[in-house]
Amino acid sequence: MIRDWEEFLAPYEQAVSELKVKLRGIRKQYREQNKHVPIEFVTGRVKPVDSILTKSKLRGIALDRLEEEMSDIAGLRIMCQFVEDIHQVVELLRTRKDMKVIIERDYITNKKASGYRSYHLVIEYPVQLIDGEKIILAEIQIRTLAMNFWATIEHSLNYKYQGEFPAEISERLRRSAEAAYQLDEEMSNIREEIQEAQRLFSHGKGKRGGHDTPKLPKEETE
């Protein structure tokens, strides 16, 4: 039985914090080298205690096995502009020496029945604590902005319906998932044009009629 959740979750908090810094550092390096940036923005969180307890009960995971059997207590999300960027980021993470990819789930090539698309990696990440090194499991979800919009809506509806969607809602979700994927496909088809336009913006030539490049919220630009 876990008696001190704050102590238990502290290494996960540290892992999420460090990984966000490292992933945002990758984005900065691409920009400094005037290359296309495959990472649009990065977010991360540690699963709340009530969510951990609910999932452990649902999956039949004993509390003394959480570290070994629950891989998403530490979770990060990488948003990309293009589907091609997702595969580039996956390959980049596979080759890093400061983490080890142990599970890959490709829900882009093999979408879920609901229409959900994303690429999931489960990694082992070493956290340095005062009493030694601790290996933390973390899940990294990599998806396009369109995939993320759909997944956010589906998550909200799932909370309302507790997974038991009315048939009409399920069908609409499937259709909207396909529409989101078609948007990604069209953006991929004009990817070179978009990237050229973004290069012009980055060189200070992007102002047209007094409008500046849109800025992301603070959390997404740190």
C-alpha atoms as a PDB file:
ATOM      1  CA  MET A   1       0.000   0.000   0.000  1.00  0.00           C
ATOM      2  CA  ILE A   2       1.280   3.450  -0.933  1.00  0.00           C
ATOM      3  CA  ARG A   3       1.148   5.667   2.138  1.00  0.00           C
ATOM      4  CA  ASP A   4       2.859   8.788   0.794  1.00  0.00           C
ATOM      5  CA  TRP A   5       1.683   9.615  -2.733  1.00  0.00           C
ATOM      6  CA  GLU A   6       3.703  12.833  -2.864  1.00  0.00           C
ATOM      7  CA  GLU A   7       6.907  10.888  -2.297  1.00  0.00           C
ATOM      8  CA  PHE A   8       5.874   8.168  -4.749  1.00  0.00           C
ATOM      9  CA  LEU A   9       5.071  10.654  -7.532  1.00  0.00           C
ATOM     10  CA  ALA A  10       8.105  12.931  -7.001  1.00  0.00           C
ATOM     11  CA  PRO A  11      10.410  10.991  -9.409  1.00  0.00           C
ATOM     12  CA  TYR A  12       7.654  11.080 -12.054  1.00  0.00           C
ATOM     13  CA  GLU A  13       7.336  14.851 -11.631  1.00  0.00           C
ATOM     14  CA  GLN A  14      11.092  15.145 -12.085  1.00  0.00           C
ATOM     15  CA  ALA A  15      11.029  12.933 -15.178  1.00  0.00           C
ATOM     16  CA  VAL A  16       8.274  14.972 -16.827  1.00  0.00           C
ATOM     17  CA  SER A  17      10.058  18.235 -16.030  1.00  0.00           C
ATOM     18  CA  GLU A  18      13.381  17.026 -17.432  1.00  0.00           C
ATOM     19  CA  LEU A  19      11.854  15.497 -20.553  1.00  0.00           C
ATOM     20  CA  LYS A  20       9.924  18.678 -21.368  1.00  0.00           C
ATOM     21  CA  VAL A  21      13.154  20.674 -21.178  1.00  0.00           C
ATOM     22  CA  LYS A  22      14.991  18.169 -23.389  1.00  0.00           C
ATOM     23  CA  LEU A  23      12.240  17.937 -26.007  1.00  0.00           C
ATOM     24  CA  ARG A  24      11.890  21.710 -26.175  1.00  0.00           C
ATOM     25  CA  GLY A  25      15.683  21.861 -26.483  1.00  0.00           C
ATOM     26  CA  ILE A  26      15.450  19.677 -29.595  1.00  0.00           C
ATOM     27  CA  ARG A  27      12.965  22.114 -31.084  1.00  0.00           C
ATOM     28  CA  LYS A  28      15.285  25.026 -30.339  1.00  0.00           C
ATOM     29  CA  GLN A  29      18.245  23.293 -32.016  1.00  0.00           C
ATOM     30  CA  TYR A  30      16.266  22.813 -35.233  1.00  0.00           C
ATOM     31  CA  ARG A  31      15.336  26.483 -35.248  1.00  0.00           C
ATOM     32  CA  GLU A  32      18.910  27.614 -34.612  1.00  0.00           C
ATOM     33  CA  GLN A  33      20.070  25.522 -37.581  1.00  0.00           C
ATOM     34  CA  ASN A  34      17.311  26.986 -39.800  1.00  0.00           C
ATOM     35  CA  LYS A  35      15.819  23.540 -40.356  1.00  0.00           C
ATOM     36  CA  HIS A  36      12.176  22.546 -40.433  1.00  0.00           C
ATOM     37  CA  VAL A  37      11.091  22.026 -36.826  1.00  0.00           C
ATOM     38  CA  PRO A  38       9.266  18.685 -36.478  1.00  0.00           C
ATOM     39  CA  ILE A  39       8.086  19.514 -32.937  1.00  0.00           C
ATOM     40  CA  GLU A  40       5.378  22.181 -32.763  1.00  0.00           C
ATOM     41  CA  PHE A  41       5.038  22.146 -28.974  1.00  0.00           C
ATOM     42  CA  VAL A  42       5.368  19.840 -25.969  1.00  0.00           C
ATOM     43  CA  THR A  43       3.182  19.336 -22.914  1.00  0.00           C
ATOM     44  CA  GLY A  44       3.453  16.936 -20.002  1.00  0.00           C
ATOM     45  CA  ARG A  45       1.743  15.878 -16.812  1.00  0.00           C
ATOM     46  CA  VAL A  46       1.806  13.348 -13.986  1.00  0.00           C
ATOM     47  CA  LYS A  47      -1.405  11.313 -13.685  1.00  0.00           C
ATOM     48  CA  PRO A  48      -3.504  12.420 -10.680  1.00  0.00           C
ATOM     49  CA  VAL A  49      -3.828   9.963  -7.796  1.00  0.00           C
ATOM     50  CA  ASP A  50      -7.566   9.388  -8.362  1.00  0.00           C
ATOM     51  CA  SER A  51      -6.891   8.528 -12.010  1.00  0.00           C
ATOM     52  CA  ILE A  52      -4.118   6.122 -10.988  1.00  0.00           C
ATOM     53  CA  LEU A  53      -6.455   4.378  -8.540  1.00  0.00           C
ATOM     54  CA  THR A  54      -9.280   4.170 -11.077  1.00  0.00           C
ATOM     55  CA  LYS A  55      -7.026   2.720 -13.767  1.00  0.00           C
ATOM     56  CA  SER A  56      -5.340   0.280 -11.379  1.00  0.00           C
ATOM     57  CA  LYS A  57      -8.739  -1.069 -10.376  1.00  0.00           C
ATOM     58  CA  LEU A  58      -9.947  -1.258 -13.974  1.00  0.00           C
ATOM     59  CA  ARG A  59      -6.792  -3.038 -15.186  1.00  0.00           C
ATOM     60  CA  GLY A  60      -6.331  -5.191 -12.090  1.00  0.00           C
ATOM     61  CA  ILE A  61      -2.934  -3.673 -11.259  1.00  0.00           C
ATOM     62  CA  ALA A  62      -1.852  -4.099  -7.650  1.00  0.00           C
ATOM     63  CA  LEU A  63      -0.635  -0.867  -6.066  1.00  0.00           C
ATOM     64  CA  ASP A  64       2.726  -2.430  -5.276  1.00  0.00           C
ATOM     65  CA  ARG A  65       3.139  -3.139  -9.030  1.00  0.00           C
ATOM     66  CA  LEU A  66       2.359   0.354 -10.323  1.00  0.00           C
ATOM     67  CA  GLU A  67       5.974   1.176 -11.174  1.00  0.00           C
ATOM     68  CA  GLU A  68       6.305  -1.927 -13.339  1.00  0.00           C
ATOM     69  CA  GLU A  69       2.832  -2.205 -14.872  1.00  0.00           C
ATOM     70  CA  MET A  70       1.443   1.335 -15.312  1.00  0.00           C
ATOM     71  CA  SER A  71       3.437   3.023 -18.045  1.00  0.00           C
ATOM     72  CA  ASP A  72       1.621   6.360 -18.260  1.00  0.00           C
ATOM     73  CA  ILE A  73       1.902   7.783 -14.750  1.00  0.00           C
ATOM     74  CA  ALA A  74       4.368  10.186 -16.385  1.00  0.00           C
ATOM     75  CA  GLY A  75       2.939  11.353 -19.701  1.00  0.00           C
ATOM     76  CA  LEU A  76       4.210  13.695 -22.403  1.00  0.00           C
ATOM     77  CA  ARG A  77       2.598  14.821 -25.610  1.00  0.00           C
ATOM     78  CA  ILE A  78       4.456  16.065 -28.668  1.00  0.00           C
ATOM     79  CA  MET A  79       2.438  17.963 -31.262  1.00  0.00           C
ATOM     80  CA  CYS A  80       3.585  18.072 -34.875  1.00  0.00           C
ATOM     81  CA  GLN A  81       2.423  19.948 -37.947  1.00  0.00           C
ATOM     82  CA  PHE A  82       2.658  17.026 -40.366  1.00  0.00           C
ATOM     83  CA  VAL A  83       2.301  13.246 -40.199  1.00  0.00           C
ATOM     84  CA  GLU A  84       5.823  13.023 -41.647  1.00  0.00           C
ATOM     85  CA  ASP A  85       7.100  14.935 -38.618  1.00  0.00           C
ATOM     86  CA  ILE A  86       5.713  12.250 -36.312  1.00  0.00           C
ATOM     87  CA  HIS A  87       7.887   9.575 -37.903  1.00  0.00           C
ATOM     88  CA  GLN A  88      10.904  11.887 -37.780  1.00  0.00           C
ATOM     89  CA  VAL A  89      10.389  12.491 -34.049  1.00  0.00           C
ATOM     90  CA  VAL A  90       9.922   8.766 -33.380  1.00  0.00           C
ATOM     91  CA  GLU A  91      13.201   7.980 -35.140  1.00  0.00           C
ATOM     92  CA  LEU A  92      14.946  10.754 -33.239  1.00  0.00           C
ATOM     93  CA  LEU A  93      13.768   9.398 -29.873  1.00  0.00           C
ATOM     94  CA  ARG A  94      14.769   5.844 -30.794  1.00  0.00           C
ATOM     95  CA  THR A  95      18.389   6.948 -31.190  1.00  0.00           C
ATOM     96  CA  ARG A  96      18.737   8.966 -27.980  1.00  0.00           C
ATOM     97  CA  LYS A  97      21.096   7.683 -25.297  1.00  0.00           C
ATOM     98  CA  ASP A  98      19.296   9.258 -22.322  1.00  0.00           C
ATOM     99  CA  MET A  99      16.144   7.138 -22.705  1.00  0.00           C
ATOM    100  CA  LYS A 100      15.227   3.688 -23.989  1.00  0.00           C
ATOM    101  CA  VAL A 101      12.145   2.991 -26.101  1.00  0.00           C
ATOM    102  CA  ILE A 102      10.661  -0.310 -24.924  1.00  0.00           C
ATOM    103  CA  ILE A 103       7.175  -0.285 -26.503  1.00  0.00           C
ATOM    104  CA  GLU A 104       5.824   1.317 -29.690  1.00  0.00           C
ATOM    105  CA  ARG A 105       2.147   1.524 -30.580  1.00  0.00           C
ATOM    106  CA  ASP A 106       1.399   2.906 -34.038  1.00  0.00           C
ATOM    107  CA  TYR A 107      -2.213   4.059 -33.970  1.00  0.00           C
ATOM    108  CA  ILE A 108      -1.676   6.069 -37.158  1.00  0.00           C
ATOM    109  CA  THR A 109      -1.085   3.149 -39.492  1.00  0.00           C
ATOM    110  CA  ASN A 110      -3.395   1.027 -37.333  1.00  0.00           C
ATOM    111  CA  LYS A 111      -6.051   3.428 -36.092  1.00  0.00           C
ATOM    112  CA  LYS A 112      -8.359   2.414 -33.249  1.00  0.00           C
ATOM    113  CA  ALA A 113     -11.963   1.467 -34.032  1.00  0.00           C
ATOM    114  CA  SER A 114     -13.094   4.824 -32.634  1.00  0.00           C
ATOM    115  CA  GLY A 115     -10.985   6.648 -35.219  1.00  0.00           C
ATOM    116  CA  TYR A 116      -8.244   7.585 -32.748  1.00  0.00           C
ATOM    117  CA  ARG A 117      -4.844   8.185 -34.317  1.00  0.00           C
ATOM    118  CA  SER A 118      -1.554   8.855 -32.530  1.00  0.00           C
ATOM    119  CA  TYR A 119       1.880   7.295 -32.105  1.00  0.00           C
ATOM    120  CA  HIS A 120       2.662   6.084 -28.585  1.00  0.00           C
ATOM    121  CA  LEU A 121       6.083   5.302 -27.159  1.00  0.00           C
ATOM    122  CA  VAL A 122       6.743   3.837 -23.740  1.00  0.00           C
ATOM    123  CA  ILE A 123      10.236   4.676 -22.557  1.00  0.00           C
ATOM    124  CA  GLU A 124      12.497   3.890 -19.651  1.00  0.00           C
ATOM    125  CA  TYR A 125      13.984   7.127 -18.340  1.00  0.00           C
ATOM    126  CA  PRO A 126      16.674   7.311 -15.612  1.00  0.00           C
ATOM    127  CA  VAL A 127      16.022   9.901 -12.912  1.00  0.00           C
ATOM    128  CA  GLN A 128      18.914  10.885 -10.667  1.00  0.00           C
ATOM    129  CA  LEU A 129      17.808  11.032  -7.029  1.00  0.00           C
ATOM    130  CA  ILE A 130      19.896  11.809  -3.936  1.00  0.00           C
ATOM    131  CA  ASP A 131      19.922   8.116  -3.040  1.00  0.00           C
ATOM    132  CA  GLY A 132      20.770   6.894  -6.546  1.00  0.00           C
ATOM    133  CA  GLU A 133      19.289   6.340  -9.979  1.00  0.00           C
ATOM    134  CA  LYS A 134      15.660   5.327 -10.499  1.00  0.00           C
ATOM    135  CA  ILE A 135      14.282   4.070 -13.814  1.00  0.00           C
ATOM    136  CA  ILE A 136      10.891   5.614 -14.568  1.00  0.00           C
ATOM    137  CA  LEU A 137       8.394   4.422 -17.168  1.00  0.00           C
ATOM    138  CA  ALA A 138       6.902   7.269 -19.195  1.00  0.00           C
ATOM    139  CA  GLU A 139       4.544   7.416 -22.149  1.00  0.00           C
ATOM    140  CA  ILE A 140       5.109   9.834 -25.018  1.00  0.00           C
ATOM    141  CA  GLN A 141       2.204  10.472 -27.401  1.00  0.00           C
ATOM    142  CA  ILE A 142       3.124  12.009 -30.751  1.00  0.00           C
ATOM    143  CA  ARG A 143       0.366  13.375 -32.961  1.00  0.00           C
ATOM    144  CA  THR A 144      -0.578  16.153 -35.344  1.00  0.00           C
ATOM    145  CA  LEU A 145      -2.585  19.187 -34.282  1.00  0.00           C
ATOM    146  CA  ALA A 146      -5.632  17.781 -36.114  1.00  0.00           C
ATOM    147  CA  MET A 147      -5.296  14.414 -34.353  1.00  0.00           C
ATOM    148  CA  ASN A 148      -4.971  16.200 -31.029  1.00  0.00           C
ATOM    149  CA  PHE A 149      -8.094  18.289 -31.609  1.00  0.00           C
ATOM    150  CA  TRP A 150     -10.112  15.143 -32.327  1.00  0.00           C
ATOM    151  CA  ALA A 151      -8.627  13.230 -29.376  1.00  0.00           C
ATOM    152  CA  THR A 152      -9.396  16.110 -26.988  1.00  0.00           C
ATOM    153  CA  ILE A 153     -13.052  16.172 -28.067  1.00  0.00           C
ATOM    154  CA  GLU A 154     -13.326  12.366 -27.893  1.00  0.00           C
ATOM    155  CA  HIS A 155     -11.814  12.397 -24.393  1.00  0.00           C
ATOM    156  CA  SER A 156     -14.386  14.937 -23.201  1.00  0.00           C
ATOM    157  CA  LEU A 157     -17.265  12.923 -24.663  1.00  0.00           C
ATOM    158  CA  ASN A 158     -15.844   9.725 -23.186  1.00  0.00           C
ATOM    159  CA  TYR A 159     -15.904  11.349 -19.751  1.00  0.00           C
ATOM    160  CA  LYS A 160     -19.573  12.236 -20.251  1.00  0.00           C
ATOM    161  CA  TYR A 161     -20.667   8.856 -21.616  1.00  0.00           C
ATOM    162  CA  GLN A 162     -18.175   6.671 -19.686  1.00  0.00           C
ATOM    163  CA  GLY A 163     -17.176   4.906 -22.907  1.00  0.00           C
ATOM    164  CA  GLU A 164     -20.751   3.978 -23.849  1.00  0.00           C
ATOM    165  CA  PHE A 165     -21.296   6.320 -26.788  1.00  0.00           C
ATOM    166  CA  PRO A 166     -24.700   6.472 -28.462  1.00  0.00           C
ATOM    167  CA  ALA A 167     -24.517   4.970 -31.974  1.00  0.00           C
ATOM    168  CA  GLU A 168     -25.026   8.360 -33.636  1.00  0.00           C
ATOM    169  CA  ILE A 169     -22.213   9.964 -31.617  1.00  0.00           C
ATOM    170  CA  SER A 170     -19.853   7.071 -32.405  1.00  0.00           C
ATOM    171  CA  GLU A 171     -20.563   7.405 -36.111  1.00  0.00           C
ATOM    172  CA  ARG A 172     -20.055  11.160 -36.048  1.00  0.00           C
ATOM    173  CA  LEU A 173     -16.771  10.691 -34.199  1.00  0.00           C
ATOM    174  CA  ARG A 174     -15.585   8.203 -36.807  1.00  0.00           C
ATOM    175  CA  ARG A 175     -16.513  10.571 -39.624  1.00  0.00           C
ATOM    176  CA  SER A 176     -14.829  13.527 -37.931  1.00  0.00           C
ATOM    177  CA  ALA A 177     -11.688  11.411 -37.327  1.00  0.00           C
ATOM    178  CA  GLU A 178     -11.539  10.682 -41.050  1.00  0.00           C
ATOM    179  CA  ALA A 179     -12.058  14.368 -41.813  1.00  0.00           C
ATOM    180  CA  ALA A 180      -9.163  15.257 -39.494  1.00  0.00           C
ATOM    181  CA  TYR A 181      -6.974  12.675 -41.223  1.00  0.00           C
ATOM    182  CA  GLN A 182      -7.933  14.030 -44.644  1.00  0.00           C
ATOM    183  CA  LEU A 183      -6.848  17.465 -43.418  1.00  0.00           C
ATOM    184  CA  ASP A 184      -3.469  16.007 -42.438  1.00  0.00           C
ATOM    185  CA  GLU A 185      -3.204  14.360 -45.860  1.00  0.00           C
ATOM    186  CA  GLU A 186      -3.916  17.634 -47.660  1.00  0.00           C
ATOM    187  CA  MET A 187      -1.404  19.497 -45.504  1.00  0.00           C
ATOM    188  CA  SER A 188       1.212  16.846 -46.329  1.00  0.00           C
ATOM    189  CA  ASN A 189       0.515  17.356 -50.025  1.00  0.00           C
ATOM    190  CA  ILE A 190       1.411  21.038 -49.779  1.00  0.00           C
ATOM    191  CA  ARG A 191       4.035  20.589 -47.066  1.00  0.00           C
ATOM    192  CA  GLU A 192       6.884  22.088 -49.096  1.00  0.00           C
ATOM    193  CA  GLU A 193       4.859  25.245 -49.806  1.00  0.00           C
ATOM    194  CA  ILE A 194       3.972  25.595 -46.113  1.00  0.00           C
ATOM    195  CA  GLN A 195       7.576  25.122 -45.012  1.00  0.00           C
ATOM    196  CA  GLU A 196       8.792  27.698 -47.520  1.00  0.00           C
ATOM    197  CA  ALA A 197       6.237  30.185 -46.176  1.00  0.00           C
ATOM    198  CA  GLN A 198       7.398  29.469 -42.630  1.00  0.00           C
ATOM    199  CA  ARG A 199      11.026  30.089 -43.635  1.00  0.00           C
ATOM    200  CA  LEU A 200       9.994  33.491 -44.956  1.00  0.00           C
ATOM    201  CA  PHE A 201       8.314  34.266 -41.639  1.00  0.00           C
ATOM    202  CA  SER A 202      11.399  33.199 -39.696  1.00  0.00           C
ATOM    203  CA  HIS A 203      13.549  35.612 -41.717  1.00  0.00           C
ATOM    204  CA  GLY A 204      11.352  38.562 -40.861  1.00  0.00           C
ATOM    205  CA  LYS A 205       9.466  38.631 -44.175  1.00  0.00           C
ATOM    206  CA  GLY A 206       6.214  37.242 -42.848  1.00  0.00           C
ATOM    207  CA  LYS A 207       4.331  40.450 -42.116  1.00  0.00           C
ATOM    208  CA  ARG A 208       1.469  41.060 -44.540  1.00  0.00           C
ATOM    209  CA  GLY A 209      -0.972  43.876 -44.040  1.00  0.00           C
ATOM    210  CA  GLY A 210       0.131  44.479 -40.448  1.00  0.00           C
ATOM    211  CA  HIS A 211      -0.478  40.922 -39.224  1.00  0.00           C
ATOM    212  CA  ASP A 212       2.251  39.123 -37.313  1.00  0.00           C
ATOM    213  CA  THR A 213       2.958  35.425 -37.014  1.00  0.00           C
ATOM    214  CA  PRO A 214       0.489  33.936 -34.496  1.00  0.00           C
ATOM    215  CA  LYS A 215       1.968  33.248 -31.079  1.00  0.00           C
ATOM    216  CA  LEU A 216       1.369  30.088 -29.069  1.00  0.00           C
ATOM    217  CA  PRO A 217       0.272  30.246 -25.423  1.00  0.00           C
ATOM    218  CA  LYS A 218       3.095  30.668 -22.920  1.00  0.00           C
ATOM    219  CA  GLU A 219       2.973  27.044 -21.714  1.00  0.00           C
ATOM    220  CA  GLU A 220       3.526  25.817 -25.256  1.00  0.00           C
ATOM    221  CA  THR A 221       6.486  28.070 -26.013  1.00  0.00           C
ATOM    222  CA  GLU A 222       8.597  27.528 -22.906  1.00  0.00           C
END
